[in-house]
Amino acid sequence: MAPSTHNGTHLDAPYHYHSTMDHGIPSLRIDEVPLGWCFQPGVKLDFRHFEDGYLVTASDAEAELERIGHVLRPLDIVVVNTAAGARFGQDNYVASACGMGYSATMALLSAA
């Protein structure tokens, strides 16, 4: 089984995704992420019911927030629970579970 950097829990600096943000400002590197961002209230979104390869949509994210009765606030830490955790250590781990689609990610960012 090949290891995957995008299954499981991890913290990445914005630089991991793009070298610039906010109209050309250099993105933060991991050593520049304020430690206070890591000590905030958290909310878990449960997407374990989606099939492998499904891309979570903005509507899915909004429906889950409504289901659990949570309104996102700035700096809330969002944890996404997928079916991958149940397959850790199995041959199909890397290819399992759903992923966050662009619309879902942008919806979460704009909600806070």
Protein backbone atom coordinates (compact mmCIF):
# COMPACT_ATOMS: atom_id res chain seq x y z
CA MET A 1 0.00 0.00 0.00
CA ALA A 2 1.45 3.37 -0.99
CA PRO A 3 1.14 6.15 1.59
CA SER A 4 -1.06 9.11 0.79
CA THR A 5 -0.54 12.65 1.97
CA HIS A 6 -4.20 13.53 1.55
CA ASN A 7 -6.00 10.77 3.45
CA GLY A 8 -6.15 11.21 7.17
CA THR A 9 -5.53 14.22 9.32
CA HIS A 10 -2.97 16.83 8.36
CA LEU A 11 -2.33 20.54 8.55
CA ASP A 12 -0.99 22.24 5.48
CA ALA A 13 0.07 25.80 4.99
CA PRO A 14 -1.79 27.77 2.31
CA TYR A 15 1.45 27.66 0.29
CA HIS A 16 0.82 23.94 -0.25
CA TYR A 17 -2.13 24.85 -2.46
CA HIS A 18 -0.93 28.01 -4.21
CA SER A 19 2.12 30.26 -3.93
CA THR A 20 0.04 33.45 -3.68
CA MET A 21 -3.20 34.57 -2.04
CA ASP A 22 -5.22 37.76 -1.70
CA HIS A 23 -4.33 39.24 -5.11
CA GLY A 24 -0.65 38.33 -5.21
CA ILE A 25 0.41 38.36 -1.55
CA PRO A 26 2.72 35.37 -0.90
CA SER A 27 0.86 32.51 0.77
CA LEU A 28 1.78 31.51 4.30
CA ARG A 29 4.30 28.72 4.74
CA ILE A 30 3.79 26.19 7.53
CA ASP A 31 6.17 28.02 9.88
CA GLU A 32 4.20 31.24 9.34
CA VAL A 33 0.74 29.88 10.22
CA PRO A 34 -0.26 31.55 13.51
CA LEU A 35 -0.32 28.95 16.28
CA GLY A 36 -3.56 30.49 17.57
CA TRP A 37 -5.32 29.24 14.44
CA CYS A 38 -4.76 25.70 15.75
CA PHE A 39 -6.52 26.31 19.09
CA GLN A 40 -10.08 27.19 18.12
CA PRO A 41 -13.51 25.56 18.47
CA GLY A 42 -14.03 22.66 16.09
CA VAL A 43 -16.95 21.22 14.20
CA LYS A 44 -17.10 17.77 12.58
CA LEU A 45 -18.95 17.30 9.31
CA ASP A 46 -19.93 13.66 8.75
CA PHE A 47 -19.71 12.63 5.11
CA ARG A 48 -19.14 8.90 5.66
CA HIS A 49 -22.34 8.03 3.81
CA PHE A 50 -21.05 9.28 0.45
CA GLU A 51 -19.59 6.74 -1.97
CA ASP A 52 -15.91 6.52 -2.84
CA GLY A 53 -14.89 9.28 -5.24
CA TYR A 54 -17.90 11.49 -4.57
CA LEU A 55 -17.15 15.23 -4.44
CA VAL A 56 -18.96 16.98 -1.61
CA THR A 57 -20.91 20.00 -2.88
CA ALA A 58 -21.79 23.31 -1.29
CA SER A 59 -25.34 22.01 -0.77
CA ASP A 60 -23.99 18.92 1.01
CA ALA A 61 -21.86 21.05 3.36
CA GLU A 62 -24.72 23.44 4.08
CA ALA A 63 -27.10 20.53 4.73
CA GLU A 64 -24.66 18.93 7.18
CA LEU A 65 -24.20 22.21 9.07
CA GLU A 66 -27.97 22.55 9.27
CA ARG A 67 -28.36 18.91 10.39
CA ILE A 68 -26.00 19.43 13.33
CA GLY A 69 -27.31 22.91 14.07
CA HIS A 70 -23.99 24.70 13.71
CA VAL A 71 -23.34 28.16 12.31
CA LEU A 72 -19.73 28.60 11.24
CA ARG A 73 -17.75 31.39 12.86
CA PRO A 74 -14.40 32.83 11.79
CA LEU A 75 -11.52 30.52 12.75
CA ASP A 76 -13.75 27.49 13.44
CA ILE A 77 -11.74 24.35 12.71
CA VAL A 78 -13.72 22.15 10.31
CA VAL A 79 -13.02 18.42 10.50
CA VAL A 80 -14.36 16.34 7.63
CA ASN A 81 -15.19 12.75 8.52
CA THR A 82 -15.13 10.39 5.53
CA ALA A 83 -15.24 6.62 5.17
CA ALA A 84 -11.44 6.47 4.76
CA GLY A 85 -10.82 6.07 8.49
CA ALA A 86 -12.62 2.74 8.56
CA ARG A 87 -10.34 1.46 5.80
CA PHE A 88 -7.01 2.49 7.28
CA GLY A 89 -4.49 -0.31 6.81
CA GLN A 90 -6.47 -1.97 4.02
CA ASP A 91 -5.40 -2.16 0.39
CA ASN A 92 -8.21 0.16 -0.73
CA TYR A 93 -7.47 2.92 1.82
CA VAL A 94 -5.87 5.38 -0.60
CA ALA A 95 -8.73 5.13 -3.09
CA SER A 96 -11.54 5.22 -0.55
CA ALA A 97 -13.95 7.89 0.63
CA CYS A 98 -15.32 11.11 -0.74
CA GLY A 99 -13.49 14.38 -1.19
CA MET A 100 -14.27 18.04 -0.69
CA GLY A 101 -15.24 19.69 -3.94
CA TYR A 102 -14.38 23.27 -4.82
CA SER A 103 -17.94 24.52 -4.24
CA ALA A 104 -18.07 22.93 -0.77
CA THR A 105 -14.71 24.42 0.20
CA MET A 106 -15.70 27.88 -1.00
CA ALA A 107 -19.08 27.63 0.77
CA LEU A 108 -17.34 26.85 4.07
CA LEU A 109 -14.91 29.72 3.58
CA SER A 110 -17.65 32.22 2.83
CA ALA A 111 -19.91 31.02 5.66
CA ALA A 112 -17.52 32.02 8.41
